[in-house]
């Protein structure tokens, strides 16, 4: 599930294992700039700028 703050341009998503990952709007697939709150998403996990893993290639699941 994703939670996204459109004004700040970033959000978080919760993995199936319960871990929370940060993502920035530039990580949304296809150049989208928002993900609706509560949307189920897929993503790739990768190293972030602050030394913790972040979500990249964030995209809504059908």
N, C-alpha and C. Protein backbone atom coordinates (compact mmCIF):
# COMPACT_ATOMS: atom_id res chain seq x y z
N UNK A 1 0.84 -1.18 0.00
CA UNK A 1 0.00 0.00 0.00
C UNK A 1 0.88 1.24 0.00
N UNK A 2 0.48 2.20 -0.77
CA UNK A 2 1.26 3.43 -0.87
C UNK A 2 0.54 4.58 -0.16
N UNK A 3 1.33 5.46 0.40
CA UNK A 3 0.86 6.71 0.96
C UNK A 3 1.73 7.78 0.32
N UNK A 4 1.11 8.76 -0.33
CA UNK A 4 1.86 9.74 -1.09
C UNK A 4 1.41 11.14 -0.75
N UNK A 5 2.36 12.03 -0.50
CA UNK A 5 2.07 13.44 -0.24
C UNK A 5 2.38 14.21 -1.52
N UNK A 6 1.34 14.56 -2.25
CA UNK A 6 1.50 15.21 -3.55
C UNK A 6 2.23 16.55 -3.43
N UNK A 7 1.98 17.29 -2.37
CA UNK A 7 2.61 18.60 -2.20
C UNK A 7 4.11 18.48 -1.92
N UNK A 8 4.50 17.47 -1.16
CA UNK A 8 5.91 17.27 -0.83
C UNK A 8 6.64 16.52 -1.95
N UNK A 9 5.89 15.73 -2.73
CA UNK A 9 6.51 15.00 -3.84
C UNK A 9 7.15 13.69 -3.44
N UNK A 10 6.79 13.15 -2.28
CA UNK A 10 7.35 11.88 -1.84
C UNK A 10 6.29 11.08 -1.11
N UNK A 11 6.58 9.82 -0.92
CA UNK A 11 5.65 8.96 -0.21
C UNK A 11 6.35 7.75 0.37
N UNK A 12 5.55 6.87 0.93
CA UNK A 12 6.07 5.63 1.48
C UNK A 12 5.19 4.49 1.00
N UNK A 13 5.76 3.31 1.00
CA UNK A 13 4.97 2.13 0.71
C UNK A 13 5.37 1.04 1.68
N UNK A 14 4.42 0.18 1.95
CA UNK A 14 4.67 -0.92 2.88
C UNK A 14 4.84 -2.20 2.09
N UNK A 15 5.94 -2.91 2.35
CA UNK A 15 6.22 -4.16 1.66
C UNK A 15 5.33 -5.27 2.23
N UNK A 16 5.29 -6.39 1.55
CA UNK A 16 4.53 -7.55 2.02
C UNK A 16 5.03 -8.00 3.39
N UNK A 17 6.30 -7.75 3.68
CA UNK A 17 6.88 -8.12 4.96
C UNK A 17 6.69 -7.09 6.06
N UNK A 18 5.98 -6.00 5.75
CA UNK A 18 5.70 -4.98 6.74
C UNK A 18 6.72 -3.87 6.84
N UNK A 19 7.74 -3.91 6.01
CA UNK A 19 8.76 -2.85 6.03
C UNK A 19 8.26 -1.64 5.25
N UNK A 20 8.61 -0.45 5.70
CA UNK A 20 8.20 0.78 5.03
C UNK A 20 9.38 1.33 4.23
N UNK A 21 9.15 1.60 2.94
CA UNK A 21 10.18 2.17 2.07
C UNK A 21 9.74 3.54 1.57
N UNK A 22 10.66 4.47 1.52
CA UNK A 22 10.46 5.81 0.99
C UNK A 22 10.53 5.77 -0.53
N UNK A 23 9.78 6.66 -1.21
CA UNK A 23 9.98 6.88 -2.64
C UNK A 23 9.68 8.33 -2.99
N UNK A 24 10.37 8.82 -3.99
CA UNK A 24 10.20 10.18 -4.49
C UNK A 24 9.36 10.12 -5.76
N UNK A 25 8.68 11.21 -6.11
CA UNK A 25 7.79 11.20 -7.28
C UNK A 25 8.53 10.83 -8.57
N UNK A 26 9.82 11.11 -8.68
CA UNK A 26 10.55 10.74 -9.90
C UNK A 26 10.71 9.23 -10.02
N UNK A 27 10.40 8.49 -8.94
CA UNK A 27 10.49 7.03 -8.96
C UNK A 27 9.21 6.37 -9.48
N UNK A 28 8.19 7.18 -9.79
CA UNK A 28 6.92 6.63 -10.28
C UNK A 28 7.07 6.34 -11.77
N UNK A 29 6.79 5.11 -12.14
CA UNK A 29 6.94 4.66 -13.53
C UNK A 29 6.08 5.51 -14.48
N UNK A 30 6.64 5.78 -15.65
CA UNK A 30 5.90 6.48 -16.69
C UNK A 30 5.79 7.97 -16.50
N UNK A 31 6.57 8.53 -15.60
CA UNK A 31 6.56 9.97 -15.41
C UNK A 31 5.37 10.48 -14.63
N UNK A 32 4.61 9.59 -14.01
CA UNK A 32 3.49 10.01 -13.18
C UNK A 32 3.99 10.83 -12.01
N UNK A 33 3.15 11.65 -11.49
CA UNK A 33 3.56 12.49 -10.37
C UNK A 33 2.72 12.27 -9.14
N UNK A 34 1.87 11.22 -9.16
CA UNK A 34 1.10 10.94 -7.97
C UNK A 34 0.63 9.49 -7.96
N UNK A 35 0.46 8.99 -6.78
CA UNK A 35 -0.11 7.67 -6.52
C UNK A 35 -1.21 7.90 -5.49
N UNK A 36 -2.40 7.44 -5.77
CA UNK A 36 -3.51 7.62 -4.83
C UNK A 36 -3.23 6.86 -3.53
N UNK A 37 -3.60 7.47 -2.42
CA UNK A 37 -3.42 6.85 -1.10
C UNK A 37 -4.13 5.51 -1.06
N UNK A 38 -3.42 4.51 -0.54
CA UNK A 38 -3.99 3.18 -0.40
C UNK A 38 -3.88 2.30 -1.62
N UNK A 39 -3.31 2.82 -2.72
CA UNK A 39 -3.15 2.04 -3.94
C UNK A 39 -2.14 0.92 -3.72
N UNK A 40 -2.48 -0.28 -4.19
CA UNK A 40 -1.51 -1.38 -4.16
C UNK A 40 -0.51 -1.12 -5.28
N UNK A 41 0.77 -1.18 -4.94
CA UNK A 41 1.81 -0.87 -5.91
C UNK A 41 2.86 -1.97 -5.96
N UNK A 42 3.55 -2.01 -7.09
CA UNK A 42 4.75 -2.82 -7.24
C UNK A 42 5.92 -1.85 -7.29
N UNK A 43 7.10 -2.33 -6.97
CA UNK A 43 8.28 -1.47 -6.98
C UNK A 43 9.53 -2.33 -6.94
N UNK A 44 10.63 -1.70 -7.26
CA UNK A 44 11.94 -2.31 -7.14
C UNK A 44 12.63 -1.68 -5.95
N UNK A 45 13.34 -2.47 -5.20
CA UNK A 45 14.07 -1.98 -4.04
C UNK A 45 15.50 -1.67 -4.44
N UNK A 46 16.02 -0.53 -4.01
CA UNK A 46 17.38 -0.17 -4.33
C UNK A 46 17.97 0.75 -3.29
N UNK A 47 19.28 0.99 -3.36
CA UNK A 47 19.93 1.85 -2.38
C UNK A 47 19.46 3.30 -2.53
N UNK A 48 19.21 3.94 -1.42
CA UNK A 48 18.77 5.33 -1.43
C UNK A 48 19.90 6.28 -1.14
N UNK A 49 19.59 7.56 -1.18
CA UNK A 49 20.61 8.59 -0.97
C UNK A 49 21.03 8.72 0.48
N UNK A 50 20.22 8.25 1.40
CA UNK A 50 20.52 8.42 2.82
C UNK A 50 21.03 7.14 3.47
N UNK A 51 21.51 6.22 2.65
CA UNK A 51 22.09 5.00 3.19
C UNK A 51 21.09 3.89 3.49
N UNK A 52 19.81 4.14 3.25
CA UNK A 52 18.78 3.12 3.45
C UNK A 52 18.17 2.78 2.10
N UNK A 53 17.61 1.59 2.00
CA UNK A 53 16.95 1.21 0.76
C UNK A 53 15.71 2.07 0.53
N UNK A 54 15.43 2.33 -0.76
CA UNK A 54 14.25 3.08 -1.18
C UNK A 54 13.56 2.29 -2.27
N UNK A 55 12.33 2.68 -2.57
CA UNK A 55 11.58 2.07 -3.66
C UNK A 55 11.82 2.85 -4.94
N UNK A 56 12.05 2.14 -6.04
CA UNK A 56 12.18 2.74 -7.36
C UNK A 56 11.21 2.04 -8.29
N UNK A 57 10.97 2.58 -9.46
CA UNK A 57 10.06 2.00 -10.43
C UNK A 57 8.72 1.66 -9.79
N UNK A 58 8.17 2.62 -9.06
CA UNK A 58 6.89 2.44 -8.37
C UNK A 58 5.77 2.50 -9.40
N UNK A 59 4.87 1.52 -9.36
CA UNK A 59 3.77 1.48 -10.33
C UNK A 59 2.54 0.81 -9.71
N UNK A 60 1.35 1.30 -10.07
CA UNK A 60 0.12 0.70 -9.54
C UNK A 60 -0.04 -0.72 -10.08
N UNK A 61 -0.57 -1.60 -9.24
CA UNK A 61 -0.88 -2.97 -9.67
C UNK A 61 -2.33 -3.01 -10.14
N UNK A 62 -2.58 -3.80 -11.16
CA UNK A 62 -3.94 -3.91 -11.71
C UNK A 62 -4.84 -4.68 -10.79
